[in-house]
PDB file of N, CA and C in Angstrom:
ATOM      1  N   MET A   1     151.508  49.803 111.472  1.00  0.00           N
ATOM      2  CA  MET A   1     150.579  50.267 110.514  1.00  0.00           C
ATOM      3  C   MET A   1     149.363  50.790 111.265  1.00  0.00           C
ATOM      4  N   LYS A   2     148.759  51.802 110.794  1.00  0.00           N
ATOM      5  CA  LYS A   2     147.623  52.462 111.474  1.00  0.00           C
ATOM      6  C   LYS A   2     146.354  51.710 111.060  1.00  0.00           C
ATOM      7  N   GLN A   3     145.501  51.506 112.067  1.00  0.00           N
ATOM      8  CA  GLN A   3     144.207  50.819 111.861  1.00  0.00           C
ATOM      9  C   GLN A   3     143.148  51.895 111.465  1.00  0.00           C
ATOM     10  N   SER A   4     142.391  51.550 110.433  1.00  0.00           N
ATOM     11  CA  SER A   4     141.348  52.473 110.009  1.00  0.00           C
ATOM     12  C   SER A   4     140.166  52.473 110.991  1.00  0.00           C
ATOM     13  N   ARG A   5     139.407  53.518 110.911  1.00  0.00           N
ATOM     14  CA  ARG A   5     138.242  53.643 111.793  1.00  0.00           C
ATOM     15  C   ARG A   5     137.226  52.520 111.563  1.00  0.00           C
ATOM     16  N   ALA A   6     137.036  52.196 110.269  1.00  0.00           N
ATOM     17  CA  ALA A   6     136.084  51.086 109.957  1.00  0.00           C
ATOM     18  C   ALA A   6     136.559  49.763 110.541  1.00  0.00           C
ATOM     19  N   MET A   7     137.851  49.457 110.475  1.00  0.00           N
ATOM     20  CA  MET A   7     138.347  48.238 111.032  1.00  0.00           C
ATOM     21  C   MET A   7     138.306  48.226 112.554  1.00  0.00           C
ATOM     22  N   SER A   8     138.478  49.441 113.171  1.00  0.00           N
ATOM     23  CA  SER A   8     138.328  49.574 114.631  1.00  0.00           C
ATOM     24  C   SER A   8     136.925  49.165 115.019  1.00  0.00           C
ATOM     25  N   LEU A   9     135.908  49.643 114.253  1.00  0.00           N
ATOM     26  CA  LEU A   9     134.536  49.330 114.511  1.00  0.00           C
ATOM     27  C   LEU A   9     134.267  47.843 114.330  1.00  0.00           C
ATOM     28  N   VAL A  10     134.789  47.243 113.280  1.00  0.00           N
ATOM     29  CA  VAL A  10     134.582  45.798 113.038  1.00  0.00           C
ATOM     30  C   VAL A  10     135.186  45.003 114.167  1.00  0.00           C
ATOM     31  N   GLU A  11     136.392  45.355 114.632  1.00  0.00           N
ATOM     32  CA  GLU A  11     137.062  44.677 115.715  1.00  0.00           C
ATOM     33  C   GLU A  11     136.168  44.775 117.008  1.00  0.00           C
ATOM     34  N   ALA A  12     135.710  45.991 117.264  1.00  0.00           N
ATOM     35  CA  ALA A  12     134.931  46.218 118.474  1.00  0.00           C
ATOM     36  C   ALA A  12     133.622  45.370 118.452  1.00  0.00           C
ATOM     37  N   ILE A  13     132.967  45.381 117.288  1.00  0.00           N
ATOM     38  CA  ILE A  13     131.694  44.581 117.155  1.00  0.00           C
ATOM     39  C   ILE A  13     131.965  43.075 117.347  1.00  0.00           C
ATOM     40  N   ALA A  14     132.995  42.544 116.737  1.00  0.00           N
ATOM     41  CA  ALA A  14     133.365  41.140 116.861  1.00  0.00           C
ATOM     42  C   ALA A  14     133.679  40.795 118.332  1.00  0.00           C
ATOM     43  N   ASN A  15     134.418  41.662 118.945  1.00  0.00           N
ATOM     44  CA  ASN A  15     134.748  41.436 120.358  1.00  0.00           C
ATOM     45  C   ASN A  15     133.531  41.423 121.283  1.00  0.00           C
ATOM     46  N   VAL A  16     132.609  42.334 121.037  1.00  0.00           N
ATOM     47  CA  VAL A  16     131.433  42.455 121.858  1.00  0.00           C
ATOM     48  C   VAL A  16     130.418  41.365 121.535  1.00  0.00           C
ATOM     49  N   ALA A  17     130.324  40.917 120.285  1.00  0.00           N
ATOM     50  CA  ALA A  17     129.396  39.873 119.906  1.00  0.00           C
ATOM     51  C   ALA A  17     129.751  38.577 120.678  1.00  0.00           C
ATOM     52  N   VAL A  18     131.029  38.263 120.783  1.00  0.00           N
ATOM     53  CA  VAL A  18     131.445  37.094 121.548  1.00  0.00           C
ATOM     54  C   VAL A  18     131.104  37.343 122.989  1.00  0.00           C
ATOM     55  N   GLY A  19     131.423  38.555 123.460  1.00  0.00           N
ATOM     56  CA  GLY A  19     131.143  38.878 124.858  1.00  0.00           C
ATOM     57  C   GLY A  19     129.667  38.853 125.223  1.00  0.00           C
ATOM     58  N   TYR A  20     128.792  39.154 124.248  1.00  0.00           N
ATOM     59  CA  TYR A  20     127.352  39.124 124.456  1.00  0.00           C
ATOM     60  C   TYR A  20     126.876  37.730 124.897  1.00  0.00           C
ATOM     61  N   GLY A  21     127.307  36.720 124.192  1.00  0.00           N
ATOM     62  CA  GLY A  21     126.945  35.364 124.494  1.00  0.00           C
ATOM     63  C   GLY A  21     127.481  34.947 125.900  1.00  0.00           C
ATOM     64  N   VAL A  22     128.666  35.310 126.212  1.00  0.00           N
ATOM     65  CA  VAL A  22     129.276  35.026 127.480  1.00  0.00           C
ATOM     66  C   VAL A  22     128.468  35.767 128.574  1.00  0.00           C
ATOM     67  N   ALA A  23     128.082  37.008 128.343  1.00  0.00           N
ATOM     68  CA  ALA A  23     127.351  37.783 129.348  1.00  0.00           C
ATOM     69  C   ALA A  23     125.998  37.188 129.625  1.00  0.00           C
ATOM     70  N   VAL A  24     125.313  36.817 128.599  1.00  0.00           N
ATOM     71  CA  VAL A  24     123.980  36.271 128.796  1.00  0.00           C
ATOM     72  C   VAL A  24     123.992  34.923 129.609  1.00  0.00           C
ATOM     73  N   VAL A  25     124.934  34.092 129.242  1.00  0.00           N
ATOM     74  CA  VAL A  25     125.073  32.865 130.020  1.00  0.00           C
ATOM     75  C   VAL A  25     125.456  33.150 131.454  1.00  0.00           C
ATOM     76  N   THR A  26     126.388  34.160 131.667  1.00  0.00           N
ATOM     77  CA  THR A  26     126.782  34.501 133.033  1.00  0.00           C
ATOM     78  C   THR A  26     125.582  35.026 133.808  1.00  0.00           C
ATOM     79  N   GLN A  27     124.773  35.910 133.171  1.00  0.00           N
ATOM     80  CA  GLN A  27     123.632  36.470 133.848  1.00  0.00           C
ATOM     81  C   GLN A  27     122.678  35.319 134.268  1.00  0.00           C
ATOM     82  N   ILE A  28     122.428  34.351 133.421  1.00  0.00           N
ATOM     83  CA  ILE A  28     121.532  33.245 133.714  1.00  0.00           C
ATOM     84  C   ILE A  28     122.052  32.498 134.931  1.00  0.00           C
ATOM     85  N   LEU A  29     123.383  32.297 135.013  1.00  0.00           N
ATOM     86  CA  LEU A  29     123.974  31.528 136.071  1.00  0.00           C
ATOM     87  C   LEU A  29     124.135  32.323 137.380  1.00  0.00           C
ATOM     88  N   ILE A  30     124.441  33.583 137.286  1.00  0.00           N
ATOM     89  CA  ILE A  30     124.860  34.392 138.467  1.00  0.00           C
ATOM     90  C   ILE A  30     123.647  35.140 139.095  1.00  0.00           C
ATOM     91  N   PHE A  31     122.720  35.631 138.307  1.00  0.00           N
ATOM     92  CA  PHE A  31     121.620  36.425 138.906  1.00  0.00           C
ATOM     93  C   PHE A  31     120.865  35.660 139.962  1.00  0.00           C
ATOM     94  N   PRO A  32     120.539  34.391 139.808  1.00  0.00           N
ATOM     95  CA  PRO A  32     119.887  33.638 140.864  1.00  0.00           C
ATOM     96  C   PRO A  32     120.638  33.599 142.188  1.00  0.00           C
ATOM     97  N   VAL A  33     121.986  33.567 142.105  1.00  0.00           N
ATOM     98  CA  VAL A  33     122.794  33.583 143.328  1.00  0.00           C
ATOM     99  C   VAL A  33     122.555  34.828 144.179  1.00  0.00           C
ATOM    100  N   PHE A  34     122.245  35.941 143.480  1.00  0.00           N
ATOM    101  CA  PHE A  34     122.011  37.213 144.175  1.00  0.00           C
ATOM    102  C   PHE A  34     120.494  37.463 144.352  1.00  0.00           C
ATOM    103  N   GLY A  35     119.696  36.473 144.112  1.00  0.00           N
ATOM    104  CA  GLY A  35     118.241  36.645 144.335  1.00  0.00           C
ATOM    105  C   GLY A  35     117.550  37.356 143.233  1.00  0.00           C
ATOM    106  N   LEU A  36     118.141  37.501 142.062  1.00  0.00           N
ATOM    107  CA  LEU A  36     117.503  38.170 140.895  1.00  0.00           C
ATOM    108  C   LEU A  36     117.048  37.075 139.934  1.00  0.00           C
ATOM    109  N   HIS A  37     115.725  37.013 139.792  1.00  0.00           N
ATOM    110  CA  HIS A  37     115.129  36.012 138.928  1.00  0.00           C
ATOM    111  C   HIS A  37     114.542  36.714 137.673  1.00  0.00           C
ATOM    112  N   THR A  38     115.192  36.413 136.559  1.00  0.00           N
ATOM    113  CA  THR A  38     114.753  37.018 135.275  1.00  0.00           C
ATOM    114  C   THR A  38     114.466  35.933 134.271  1.00  0.00           C
ATOM    115  N   THR A  39     113.671  36.270 133.271  1.00  0.00           N
ATOM    116  CA  THR A  39     113.380  35.360 132.166  1.00  0.00           C
ATOM    117  C   THR A  39     114.489  35.456 131.178  1.00  0.00           C
ATOM    118  N   LEU A  40     114.500  34.469 130.243  1.00  0.00           N
ATOM    119  CA  LEU A  40     115.487  34.482 129.146  1.00  0.00           C
ATOM    120  C   LEU A  40     115.339  35.747 128.328  1.00  0.00           C
ATOM    121  N   ALA A  41     114.104  36.138 128.009  1.00  0.00           N
ATOM    122  CA  ALA A  41     113.898  37.380 127.220  1.00  0.00           C
ATOM    123  C   ALA A  41     114.478  38.631 127.956  1.00  0.00           C
ATOM    124  N   GLN A  42     114.272  38.701 129.296  1.00  0.00           N
ATOM    125  CA  GLN A  42     114.867  39.821 130.030  1.00  0.00           C
ATOM    126  C   GLN A  42     116.386  39.790 129.994  1.00  0.00           C
ATOM    127  N   ASN A  43     116.970  38.614 130.153  1.00  0.00           N
ATOM    128  CA  ASN A  43     118.406  38.489 130.050  1.00  0.00           C
ATOM    129  C   ASN A  43     118.953  38.892 128.708  1.00  0.00           C
ATOM    130  N   LEU A  44     118.247  38.506 127.624  1.00  0.00           N
ATOM    131  CA  LEU A  44     118.636  38.913 126.259  1.00  0.00           C
ATOM    132  C   LEU A  44     118.584  40.442 126.042  1.00  0.00           C
ATOM    133  N   LYS A  45     117.494  41.035 126.626  1.00  0.00           N
ATOM    134  CA  LYS A  45     117.339  42.485 126.441  1.00  0.00           C
ATOM    135  C   LYS A  45     118.405  43.246 127.227  1.00  0.00           C
ATOM    136  N   MET A  46     118.682  42.843 128.482  1.00  0.00           N
ATOM    137  CA  MET A  46     119.681  43.451 129.273  1.00  0.00           C
ATOM    138  C   MET A  46     121.097  43.265 128.605  1.00  0.00           C
ATOM    139  N   GLY A  47     121.276  42.098 128.089  1.00  0.00           N
ATOM    140  CA  GLY A  47     122.572  41.834 127.381  1.00  0.00           C
ATOM    141  C   GLY A  47     122.708  42.719 126.148  1.00  0.00           C
ATOM    142  N   ALA A  48     121.592  42.973 125.449  1.00  0.00           N
ATOM    143  CA  ALA A  48     121.626  43.862 124.257  1.00  0.00           C
ATOM    144  C   ALA A  48     122.000  45.305 124.662  1.00  0.00           C
ATOM    145  N   VAL A  49     121.413  45.815 125.743  1.00  0.00           N
ATOM    146  CA  VAL A  49     121.718  47.158 126.199  1.00  0.00           C
ATOM    147  C   VAL A  49     123.171  47.252 126.548  1.00  0.00           C
ATOM    148  N   PHE A  50     123.697  46.323 127.300  1.00  0.00           N
ATOM    149  CA  PHE A  50     125.132  46.333 127.710  1.00  0.00           C
ATOM    150  C   PHE A  50     126.006  46.185 126.503  1.00  0.00           C
ATOM    151  N   THR A  51     125.570  45.460 125.453  1.00  0.00           N
ATOM    152  CA  THR A  51     126.297  45.261 124.295  1.00  0.00           C
ATOM    153  C   THR A  51     126.523  46.575 123.472  1.00  0.00           C
ATOM    154  N   VAL A  52     125.425  47.361 123.357  1.00  0.00           N
ATOM    155  CA  VAL A  52     125.518  48.622 122.683  1.00  0.00           C
ATOM    156  C   VAL A  52     126.462  49.565 123.399  1.00  0.00           C
ATOM    157  N   VAL A  53     126.361  49.628 124.722  1.00  0.00           N
ATOM    158  CA  VAL A  53     127.302  50.453 125.513  1.00  0.00           C
ATOM    159  C   VAL A  53     128.713  49.933 125.351  1.00  0.00           C
ATOM    160  N   SER A  54     128.880  48.635 125.324  1.00  0.00           N
ATOM    161  CA  SER A  54     130.244  48.092 125.212  1.00  0.00           C
ATOM    162  C   SER A  54     130.851  48.378 123.859  1.00  0.00           C
ATOM    163  N   ILE A  55     130.079  48.298 122.801  1.00  0.00           N
ATOM    164  CA  ILE A  55     130.596  48.602 121.442  1.00  0.00           C
ATOM    165  C   ILE A  55     131.053  50.096 121.414  1.00  0.00           C
ATOM    166  N   ALA A  56     130.245  50.970 121.917  1.00  0.00           N
ATOM    167  CA  ALA A  56     130.673  52.406 121.930  1.00  0.00           C
ATOM    168  C   ALA A  56     131.921  52.612 122.736  1.00  0.00           C
ATOM    169  N   ARG A  57     131.973  51.947 123.879  1.00  0.00           N
ATOM    170  CA  ARG A  57     133.153  52.082 124.770  1.00  0.00           C
ATOM    171  C   ARG A  57     134.417  51.551 124.088  1.00  0.00           C
ATOM    172  N   SER A  58     134.331  50.372 123.493  1.00  0.00           N
ATOM    173  CA  SER A  58     135.481  49.753 122.831  1.00  0.00           C
ATOM    174  C   SER A  58     135.932  50.608 121.670  1.00  0.00           C
ATOM    175  N   TYR A  59     135.024  51.112 120.843  1.00  0.00           N
ATOM    176  CA  TYR A  59     135.360  51.918 119.681  1.00  0.00           C
ATOM    177  C   TYR A  59     136.049  53.202 120.120  1.00  0.00           C
ATOM    178  N   LEU A  60     135.490  53.904 121.105  1.00  0.00           N
ATOM    179  CA  LEU A  60     136.030  55.177 121.509  1.00  0.00           C
ATOM    180  C   LEU A  60     137.449  55.006 122.141  1.00  0.00           C
ATOM    181  N   LEU A  61     137.572  53.953 122.944  1.00  0.00           N
ATOM    182  CA  LEU A  61     138.891  53.705 123.526  1.00  0.00           C
ATOM    183  C   LEU A  61     139.915  53.347 122.450  1.00  0.00           C
ATOM    184  N   ARG A  62     139.474  52.565 121.477  1.00  0.00           N
ATOM    185  CA  ARG A  62     140.441  52.198 120.399  1.00  0.00           C
ATOM    186  C   ARG A  62     140.878  53.436 119.639  1.00  0.00           C
ATOM    187  N   ARG A  63     139.950  54.330 119.331  1.00  0.00           N
ATOM    188  CA  ARG A  63     140.310  55.565 118.634  1.00  0.00           C
ATOM    189  C   ARG A  63     141.212  56.464 119.484  1.00  0.00           C
ATOM    190  N   LEU A  64     140.959  56.522 120.802  1.00  0.00           N
ATOM    191  CA  LEU A  64     141.797  57.298 121.672  1.00  0.00           C
ATOM    192  C   LEU A  64     143.190  56.738 121.724  1.00  0.00           C
ATOM    193  N   PHE A  65     143.336  55.454 121.848  1.00  0.00           N
ATOM    194  CA  PHE A  65     144.673  54.873 121.865  1.00  0.00           C
ATOM    195  C   PHE A  65     145.384  55.009 120.549  1.00  0.00           C
ATOM    196  N   GLU A  66     144.636  55.025 119.444  1.00  0.00           N
ATOM    197  CA  GLU A  66     145.223  55.205 118.125  1.00  0.00           C
ATOM    198  C   GLU A  66     145.767  56.603 117.981  1.00  0.00           C
ATOM    199  N   VAL A  67     145.067  57.600 118.487  1.00  0.00           N
ATOM    200  CA  VAL A  67     145.513  58.984 118.435  1.00  0.00           C
ATOM    201  C   VAL A  67     146.779  59.136 119.291  1.00  0.00           C
ATOM    202  N   VAL A  68     146.783  58.519 120.449  1.00  0.00           N
ATOM    203  CA  VAL A  68     147.905  58.611 121.359  1.00  0.00           C
ATOM    204  C   VAL A  68     149.112  57.949 120.703  1.00  0.00           C
ATOM    205  N   ARG A  69     148.927  56.808 120.084  1.00  0.00           N
ATOM    206  CA  ARG A  69     150.006  56.069 119.463  1.00  0.00           C
ATOM    207  C   ARG A  69     150.613  56.838 118.304  1.00  0.00           C
ATOM    208  N   VAL A  70     149.824  57.532 117.526  1.00  0.00           N
ATOM    209  CA  VAL A  70     150.274  58.271 116.347  1.00  0.00           C
ATOM    210  C   VAL A  70     151.033  59.489 116.803  1.00  0.00           C
ATOM    211  N   ARG A  71     150.609  60.192 117.841  1.00  0.00           N
ATOM    212  CA  ARG A  71     151.197  61.445 118.264  1.00  0.00           C
ATOM    213  C   ARG A  71     152.475  61.181 119.149  1.00  0.00           C
ATOM    214  N   GLU A  72     152.565  60.105 119.813  1.00  0.00           N
ATOM    215  CA  GLU A  72     153.636  59.857 120.706  1.00  0.00           C
ATOM    216  C   GLU A  72     154.928  59.468 119.989  1.00  0.00           C
ATOM    217  N   PRO A  73     156.005  60.279 120.108  1.00  0.00           N
ATOM    218  CA  PRO A  73     157.246  59.912 119.419  1.00  0.00           C
ATOM    219  C   PRO A  73     157.935  58.739 120.146  1.00  0.00           C
ATOM    220  N   LYS A  74     158.560  57.891 119.361  1.00  0.00           N
ATOM    221  CA  LYS A  74     159.226  56.716 119.918  1.00  0.00           C
ATOM    222  C   LYS A  74     160.611  57.071 120.478  1.00  0.00           C
ATOM    223  N   SER A  75     161.249  58.092 119.929  1.00  0.00           N
ATOM    224  CA  SER A  75     162.529  58.539 120.425  1.00  0.00           C
ATOM    225  C   SER A  75     162.595  60.069 120.225  1.00  0.00           C
ATOM    226  N   PRO A  76     163.568  60.750 120.835  1.00  0.00           N
ATOM    227  CA  PRO A  76     163.680  62.167 120.660  1.00  0.00           C
ATOM    228  C   PRO A  76     163.792  62.618 119.190  1.00  0.00           C
ATOM    229  N   ASN A  77     164.362  61.831 118.367  1.00  0.00           N
ATOM    230  CA  ASN A  77     164.591  62.192 116.945  1.00  0.00           C
ATOM    231  C   ASN A  77     163.574  61.497 116.036  1.00  0.00           C
ATOM    232  N   ASP A  78     162.503  60.929 116.563  1.00  0.00           N
ATOM    233  CA  ASP A  78     161.515  60.196 115.742  1.00  0.00           C
ATOM    234  C   ASP A  78     160.896  61.141 114.719  1.00  0.00           C
ATOM    235  N   GLY A  79     160.945  60.666 113.459  1.00  0.00           N
ATOM    236  CA  GLY A  79     160.363  61.447 112.400  1.00  0.00           C
ATOM    237  C   GLY A  79     161.353  62.335 111.711  1.00  0.00           C
ATOM    238  N   MET A  80     162.535  62.528 112.295  1.00  0.00           N
ATOM    239  CA  MET A  80     163.552  63.375 111.684  1.00  0.00           C
ATOM    240  C   MET A  80     164.693  62.520 111.269  1.00  0.00           C
ATOM    241  N   LYS A  81     165.136  62.731 110.048  1.00  0.00           N
ATOM    242  CA  LYS A  81     166.302  62.035 109.574  1.00  0.00           C
ATOM    243  C   LYS A  81     167.581  62.759 109.999  1.00  0.00           C
ATOM    244  N   VAL A  82     168.350  62.127 110.821  1.00  0.00           N
ATOM    245  CA  VAL A  82     169.553  62.769 111.321  1.00  0.00           C
ATOM    246  C   VAL A  82     170.748  62.086 110.709  1.00  0.00           C
ATOM    247  N   THR A  83     171.567  62.875 110.008  1.00  0.00           N
ATOM    248  CA  THR A  83     172.794  62.296 109.421  1.00  0.00           C
ATOM    249  C   THR A  83     173.968  63.079 110.000  1.00  0.00           C
ATOM    250  N   PRO A  84     175.066  62.369 110.227  1.00  0.00           N
ATOM    251  CA  PRO A  84     176.224  63.144 110.798  1.00  0.00           C
ATOM    252  C   PRO A  84     176.766  64.075 109.744  1.00  0.00           C
ATOM    253  N   ALA A  85     177.351  65.175 110.215  1.00  0.00           N
ATOM    254  CA  ALA A  85     177.937  66.204 109.360  1.00  0.00           C
ATOM    255  C   ALA A  85     179.205  65.618 108.772  1.00  0.00           C
ATOM    256  N   ARG A  86     179.348  65.755 107.458  1.00  0.00           N
ATOM    257  CA  ARG A  86     180.582  65.283 106.781  1.00  0.00           C
ATOM    258  C   ARG A  86     181.134  66.468 106.012  1.00  0.00           C
ATOM    259  N   PRO A  87     182.436  66.520 105.910  1.00  0.00           N
ATOM    260  CA  PRO A  87     183.036  67.544 105.056  1.00  0.00           C
ATOM    261  C   PRO A  87     182.643  67.305 103.620  1.00  0.00           C
ATOM    262  N   VAL A  88     182.389  68.350 102.893  1.00  0.00           N
ATOM    263  CA  VAL A  88     181.994  68.251 101.509  1.00  0.00           C
ATOM    264  C   VAL A  88     183.218  68.018 100.649  1.00  0.00           C
ATOM    265  N   LYS A  89     183.178  66.946  99.846  1.00  0.00           N
ATOM    266  CA  LYS A  89     184.271  66.685  98.899  1.00  0.00           C
ATOM    267  C   LYS A  89     183.857  67.133  97.544  1.00  0.00           C
ATOM    268  N   TYR A  90     184.659  67.972  96.983  1.00  0.00           N
ATOM    269  CA  TYR A  90     184.387  68.468  95.616  1.00  0.00           C
ATOM    270  C   TYR A  90     185.145  67.600  94.618  1.00  0.00           C
ATOM    271  N   THR A  91     184.489  67.347  93.482  1.00  0.00           N
ATOM    272  CA  THR A  91     185.099  66.642  92.411  1.00  0.00           C
ATOM    273  C   THR A  91     185.437  67.574  91.330  1.00  0.00           C
ATOM    274  N   ARG A  92     185.788  67.046  90.155  1.00  0.00           N
ATOM    275  CA  ARG A  92     186.107  67.959  89.063  1.00  0.00           C
ATOM    276  C   ARG A  92     184.855  68.691  88.599  1.00  0.00           C
ATOM    277  N   PHE A  93     183.667  68.238  89.046  1.00  0.00           N
ATOM    278  CA  PHE A  93     182.403  68.923  88.654  1.00  0.00           C
ATOM    279  C   PHE A  93     181.926  69.855  89.760  1.00  0.00           C
ATOM    280  N   GLN A  94     182.841  70.248  90.589  1.00  0.00           N
ATOM    281  CA  GLN A  94     182.439  71.079  91.713  1.00  0.00           C
ATOM    282  C   GLN A  94     181.776  72.416  91.268  1.00  0.00           C
ATOM    283  N   ARG A  95     181.003  72.934  92.129  1.00  0.00           N
ATOM    284  CA  ARG A  95     180.277  74.168  91.835  1.00  0.00           C
ATOM    285  C   ARG A  95     181.226  75.323  91.698  1.00  0.00           C
ATOM    286  N   LYS A  96     181.049  76.130  90.671  1.00  0.00           N
ATOM    287  CA  LYS A  96     181.856  77.316  90.430  1.00  0.00           C
ATOM    288  C   LYS A  96     181.125  78.549  90.958  1.00  0.00           C
ATOM    289  N   GLU A  97     181.904  79.505  91.348  1.00  0.00           N
ATOM    290  CA  GLU A  97     181.314  80.765  91.744  1.00  0.00           C
ATOM    291  C   GLU A  97     180.811  81.509  90.512  1.00  0.00           C
ATOM    292  N   PRO A  98     179.740  82.299  90.608  1.00  0.00           N
ATOM    293  CA  PRO A  98     179.203  82.957  89.436  1.00  0.00           C
ATOM    294  C   PRO A  98     180.236  83.856  88.745  1.00  0.00           C
ATOM    295  N   SER A  99     181.182  84.425  89.493  1.00  0.00           N
ATOM    296  CA  SER A  99     182.186  85.291  88.842  1.00  0.00           C
ATOM    297  C   SER A  99     183.161  84.520  88.005  1.00  0.00           C
ATOM    298  N   GLU A 100     183.275  83.193  88.180  1.00  0.00           N
ATOM    299  CA  GLU A 100     184.167  82.365  87.410  1.00  0.00           C
ATOM    300  C   GLU A 100     183.488  81.809  86.151  1.00  0.00           C
ATOM    301  N   CYS A 101     182.208  82.021  86.000  1.00  0.00           N
ATOM    302  CA  CYS A 101     181.477  81.396  84.914  1.00  0.00           C
ATOM    303  C   CYS A 101     180.978  82.519  83.925  1.00  0.00           C
ATOM    304  N   ARG A 102     180.676  82.097  82.714  1.00  0.00           N
ATOM    305  CA  ARG A 102     180.076  82.998  81.781  1.00  0.00           C
ATOM    306  C   ARG A 102     178.783  82.456  81.293  1.00  0.00           C
ATOM    307  N   ALA A 103     177.875  83.318  80.850  1.00  0.00           N
ATOM    308  CA  ALA A 103     176.577  82.889  80.306  1.00  0.00           C
ATOM    309  C   ALA A 103     176.722  82.342  78.935  1.00  0.00           C
ATOM    310  N   ASP A 104     176.001  81.315  78.624  1.00  0.00           N
ATOM    311  CA  ASP A 104     176.052  80.769  77.240  1.00  0.00           C
ATOM    312  C   ASP A 104     175.029  81.562  76.381  1.00  0.00           C
ATOM    313  N   LYS A 105     175.510  82.444  75.536  1.00  0.00           N
ATOM    314  CA  LYS A 105     174.668  83.335  74.803  1.00  0.00           C
ATOM    315  C   LYS A 105     173.922  82.640  73.649  1.00  0.00           C
ATOM    316  N   SER A 106     174.444  81.524  73.154  1.00  0.00           N
ATOM    317  CA  SER A 106     173.772  80.819  72.028  1.00  0.00           C
ATOM    318  C   SER A 106     172.425  80.233  72.457  1.00  0.00           C
ATOM    319  N   ILE A 107     172.272  79.780  73.700  1.00  0.00           N
ATOM    320  CA  ILE A 107     171.000  79.234  74.114  1.00  0.00           C
ATOM    321  C   ILE A 107     170.176  80.276  74.842  1.00  0.00           C
ATOM    322  N   GLY A 108     170.865  81.244  75.471  1.00  0.00           N
ATOM    323  CA  GLY A 108     170.122  82.309  76.149  1.00  0.00           C
ATOM    324  C   GLY A 108     169.645  81.882  77.540  1.00  0.00           C
ATOM    325  N   THR A 109     170.173  80.748  78.043  1.00  0.00           N
ATOM    326  CA  THR A 109     169.715  80.254  79.320  1.00  0.00           C
ATOM    327  C   THR A 109     170.565  80.744  80.450  1.00  0.00           C
ATOM    328  N   GLY A 110     171.696  81.306  80.155  1.00  0.00           N
ATOM    329  CA  GLY A 110     172.570  81.752  81.228  1.00  0.00           C
ATOM    330  C   GLY A 110     173.172  80.595  81.993  1.00  0.00           C
ATOM    331  N   SER A 111     173.457  79.448  81.304  1.00  0.00           N
ATOM    332  CA  SER A 111     174.003  78.308  81.961  1.00  0.00           C
ATOM    333  C   SER A 111     175.419  78.601  82.417  1.00  0.00           C
ATOM    334  N   MET A 112     175.786  77.984  83.522  1.00  0.00           N
ATOM    335  CA  MET A 112     177.064  78.263  84.182  1.00  0.00           C
ATOM    336  C   MET A 112     178.081  77.306  83.642  1.00  0.00           C
ATOM    337  N   VAL A 113     178.861  77.745  82.643  1.00  0.00           N
ATOM    338  CA  VAL A 113     179.880  76.929  82.036  1.00  0.00           C
ATOM    339  C   VAL A 113     181.163  77.708  82.032  1.00  0.00           C
ATOM    340  N   ARG A 114     182.250  77.046  82.367  1.00  0.00           N
ATOM    341  CA  ARG A 114     183.515  77.730  82.433  1.00  0.00           C
ATOM    342  C   ARG A 114     184.271  77.550  81.156  1.00  0.00           C
ATOM    343  N   GLY A 115     184.366  78.601  80.385  1.00  0.00           N
ATOM    344  CA  GLY A 115     185.254  78.572  79.193  1.00  0.00           C
ATOM    345  C   GLY A 115     184.718  77.881  78.004  1.00  0.00           C
ATOM    346  N   ARG A 116     183.598  77.239  77.999  1.00  0.00           N
ATOM    347  CA  ARG A 116     183.079  76.569  76.773  1.00  0.00           C
ATOM    348  C   ARG A 116     181.591  76.584  76.764  1.00  0.00           C
ATOM    349  N   LYS A 117     181.015  76.416  75.562  1.00  0.00           N
ATOM    350  CA  LYS A 117     179.605  76.383  75.421  1.00  0.00           C
ATOM    351  C   LYS A 117     179.062  74.971  75.492  1.00  0.00           C
ATOM    352  N   THR A 118     177.792  74.829  75.968  1.00  0.00           N
ATOM    353  CA  THR A 118     177.155  73.499  76.013  1.00  0.00           C
ATOM    354  C   THR A 118     176.153  73.452  74.863  1.00  0.00           C
ATOM    355  N   ASN A 119     175.892  72.227  74.408  1.00  0.00           N
ATOM    356  CA  ASN A 119     174.952  71.982  73.270  1.00  0.00           C
ATOM    357  C   ASN A 119     175.477  72.517  72.012  1.00  0.00           C
TER     358      ASN A 119
END
């Protein structure tokens, strides 16, 4: 089933919201190891900037993959109904050639009936 654009955006936001918390905690723990000392407010602001970028990235990648998934055939005959050729069996109701039929003059429809009127 194809995912709508709105649901792609909701998924991307949920994914990044969880990631935001993980990123802020990681920044608080890792930045001092590299000699970067920031306040909590600075970490929250940097996390917010990266979050906006991450939402856009996730959404665009999701849409790209959705386009690729829809356009890519699963097999050479994908989307085409292939049925084996069978000889046609005619029954007593088989189609008559126009030269074998006469028009029904009572209705004026030119119905193809052999030797008798319909209705």
